[in-house]
Amino acid sequence: MSKKIKLISKISSNINLYLPEYHYSRDFTKEGQTHIIDKDVLDQAIYTPSVMAMFENGLLYIDDEDARIEYGLEVKDEKGNIEHAPTILSSEEVYEKLTTLNLADLKKVVDELPPVQQQRFVDVAIEKGYMDYAKNIYFKKLTGRDIIKTIEITQEEEVDE
């Protein structure tokens, strides 16, 4: 019998882990939602570029340290310390950094993140209605998305309804 591995969604958007060749399909519809997968299935699927990208970019998280190390998502040094682990920020952590860090410090944090995690800052700002002109310019250059304009359009659409 195959070991079971718990997968956890780390973002508030919808994710579909669709692996037809392994007869596995699961929808993650909210941050923190979990699903179980057989390790045998994950052993094969993890090497599919799109599946690996979900883990490398912090969309999904494998709740098994040995599996994360086996798949190369984390590396242990001689002392047993984790040397490399992807930075996965929750929506609350993203919002806290958006609202508490000055632009220079925020840039240091965001520039180290993979592109999907950088996009999450924009998503969270829009979701929370956070408008800071200087940070908007930074994220617009980084992601091509205008936070303030998107919030304004969303608010206008809500008024029209």
Protein backbone atom coordinates (compact mmCIF):
# COMPACT_ATOMS: atom_id res chain seq x y z
CA MET A 1 0.00 0.00 0.00
CA SER A 2 1.30 3.41 -0.99
CA LYS A 3 2.12 6.09 1.55
CA LYS A 4 -0.30 9.03 1.58
CA ILE A 5 0.95 12.60 1.21
CA LYS A 6 -1.00 15.69 2.24
CA LEU A 7 -0.98 18.60 -0.22
CA ILE A 8 -1.91 22.09 1.00
CA SER A 9 -3.01 25.07 -1.07
CA LYS A 10 -1.01 28.17 -0.16
CA ILE A 11 -3.06 30.67 -2.19
CA SER A 12 -6.64 31.90 -2.13
CA SER A 13 -7.19 31.32 -5.86
CA ASN A 14 -8.46 28.14 -7.48
CA ILE A 15 -5.92 25.45 -8.35
CA ASN A 16 -6.72 22.27 -10.22
CA LEU A 17 -4.27 19.42 -9.90
CA TYR A 18 -5.36 17.36 -12.89
CA LEU A 19 -3.39 14.21 -13.61
CA PRO A 20 -5.52 12.16 -16.03
CA GLU A 21 -2.82 9.57 -16.67
CA TYR A 22 -2.90 8.76 -12.93
CA HIS A 23 -6.69 9.05 -12.58
CA TYR A 24 -6.26 11.90 -10.12
CA SER A 25 -7.99 15.28 -10.13
CA ARG A 26 -8.44 17.61 -7.18
CA ASP A 27 -9.59 21.21 -6.90
CA PHE A 28 -8.15 23.51 -4.28
CA THR A 29 -10.58 26.40 -3.93
CA LYS A 30 -9.18 28.27 -0.94
CA GLU A 31 -5.98 28.87 0.95
CA GLY A 32 -5.23 26.12 3.45
CA GLN A 33 -7.40 23.52 1.74
CA THR A 34 -5.85 20.04 1.80
CA HIS A 35 -6.08 16.91 -0.31
CA ILE A 36 -4.39 13.53 0.03
CA ILE A 37 -2.44 11.92 -2.82
CA ASP A 38 -0.75 8.53 -3.01
CA LYS A 39 3.02 8.93 -2.90
CA ASP A 40 3.32 6.58 -5.89
CA VAL A 41 1.21 9.00 -7.97
CA LEU A 42 3.13 12.05 -6.74
CA ASP A 43 6.44 10.24 -7.44
CA GLN A 44 5.50 10.13 -11.11
CA ALA A 45 3.59 13.41 -11.44
CA ILE A 46 6.13 15.62 -9.68
CA TYR A 47 8.44 15.46 -12.70
CA THR A 48 5.80 16.98 -14.96
CA PRO A 49 6.98 20.61 -15.36
CA SER A 50 3.58 22.15 -14.60
CA VAL A 51 3.16 20.06 -11.43
CA MET A 52 6.68 20.80 -10.20
CA ALA A 53 6.08 24.52 -10.87
CA MET A 54 3.07 24.47 -8.54
CA PHE A 55 5.37 23.42 -5.70
CA GLU A 56 8.41 25.49 -6.67
CA ASN A 57 6.32 28.65 -6.96
CA GLY A 58 4.55 28.11 -3.67
CA LEU A 59 1.04 27.42 -4.96
CA LEU A 60 0.92 23.99 -3.36
CA TYR A 61 2.88 22.66 -0.39
CA ILE A 62 3.82 19.06 0.39
CA ASP A 63 3.26 18.41 4.09
CA ASP A 64 5.99 15.75 4.30
CA GLU A 65 9.60 16.84 4.86
CA ASP A 66 11.11 13.61 3.50
CA ALA A 67 9.10 13.93 0.28
CA ARG A 68 10.08 17.61 -0.14
CA ILE A 69 13.75 16.62 0.18
CA GLU A 70 13.33 13.62 -2.15
CA TYR A 71 11.78 15.84 -4.84
CA GLY A 72 14.51 18.47 -4.52
CA LEU A 73 12.24 21.15 -3.07
CA GLU A 74 14.40 21.32 0.06
CA VAL A 75 18.01 20.40 0.81
CA LYS A 76 19.48 19.43 4.17
CA ASP A 77 23.05 20.27 5.11
CA GLU A 78 25.36 17.93 7.08
CA LYS A 79 23.88 19.16 10.38
CA GLY A 80 20.33 18.39 9.26
CA ASN A 81 19.31 22.01 8.73
CA ILE A 82 17.15 22.93 5.77
CA GLU A 83 19.29 24.94 3.33
CA HIS A 84 16.74 25.68 0.64
CA ALA A 85 13.04 25.90 1.10
CA PRO A 86 10.74 27.91 -1.14
CA THR A 87 9.39 31.05 0.46
CA ILE A 88 5.66 30.56 0.76
CA LEU A 89 3.78 33.48 2.27
CA SER A 90 0.18 33.26 3.41
CA SER A 91 -2.28 35.98 2.40
CA GLU A 92 -2.03 37.40 5.91
CA GLU A 93 1.77 37.58 5.70
CA VAL A 94 1.57 39.22 2.28
CA TYR A 95 -0.89 41.83 3.55
CA GLU A 96 1.21 42.48 6.64
CA LYS A 97 4.30 43.09 4.52
CA LEU A 98 2.35 45.32 2.14
CA THR A 99 1.05 47.49 4.95
CA THR A 100 4.01 47.58 7.35
CA LEU A 101 7.15 47.62 5.21
CA ASN A 102 8.41 50.74 3.51
CA LEU A 103 8.95 50.49 -0.25
CA ALA A 104 12.71 49.76 -0.03
CA ASP A 105 12.24 46.91 2.45
CA LEU A 106 9.26 45.55 0.52
CA LYS A 107 11.34 45.47 -2.68
CA LYS A 108 14.02 43.42 -0.90
CA VAL A 109 11.42 40.83 0.12
CA VAL A 110 9.47 40.71 -3.15
CA ASP A 111 12.52 40.66 -5.45
CA GLU A 112 13.64 37.37 -3.85
CA LEU A 113 10.31 35.65 -4.55
CA PRO A 114 9.30 33.63 -7.62
CA PRO A 115 6.99 35.45 -10.08
CA VAL A 116 3.86 33.64 -8.88
CA GLN A 117 4.47 34.84 -5.32
CA GLN A 118 5.12 38.37 -6.61
CA GLN A 119 1.73 38.29 -8.33
CA ARG A 120 0.17 37.29 -5.00
CA PHE A 121 1.13 40.68 -3.56
CA VAL A 122 -0.92 42.34 -6.30
CA ASP A 123 -3.82 39.90 -5.80
CA VAL A 124 -3.89 40.51 -2.05
CA ALA A 125 -3.64 44.30 -2.45
CA ILE A 126 -6.59 44.25 -4.85
CA GLU A 127 -8.60 41.87 -2.66
CA LYS A 128 -8.04 44.05 0.42
CA GLY A 129 -8.45 47.36 -1.42
CA TYR A 130 -4.93 48.47 -0.45
CA MET A 131 -3.86 51.52 -2.43
CA ASP A 132 -0.37 52.95 -2.02
CA TYR A 133 0.81 54.99 -4.99
CA ALA A 134 4.55 54.27 -4.73
CA LYS A 135 4.03 50.54 -4.16
CA ASN A 136 1.53 50.49 -7.03
CA ILE A 137 4.16 51.90 -9.40
CA TYR A 138 6.68 49.28 -8.24
CA PHE A 139 4.24 46.39 -8.73
CA LYS A 140 3.05 47.79 -12.05
CA LYS A 141 6.64 47.73 -13.36
CA LEU A 142 7.24 44.29 -11.84
CA THR A 143 4.03 42.50 -12.84
CA GLY A 144 2.38 44.74 -15.43
CA ARG A 145 -0.72 45.03 -13.26
CA ASP A 146 -2.08 48.32 -11.92
CA ILE A 147 -3.47 47.79 -8.41
CA ILE A 148 -5.15 51.18 -8.05
CA LYS A 149 -6.80 51.09 -11.47
CA THR A 150 -8.09 47.54 -10.85
CA ILE A 151 -9.55 48.53 -7.47
CA GLU A 152 -11.21 51.60 -9.02
CA ILE A 153 -12.74 49.53 -11.84
CA THR A 154 -13.98 46.93 -9.36
CA GLN A 155 -15.56 49.61 -7.18
CA GLU A 156 -17.23 51.23 -10.22
CA GLU A 157 -18.64 47.85 -11.29
CA GLU A 158 -20.02 47.29 -7.78
CA VAL A 159 -21.73 50.71 -7.84
CA ASP A 160 -23.24 49.98 -11.27
CA GLU A 161 -24.78 46.74 -10.02
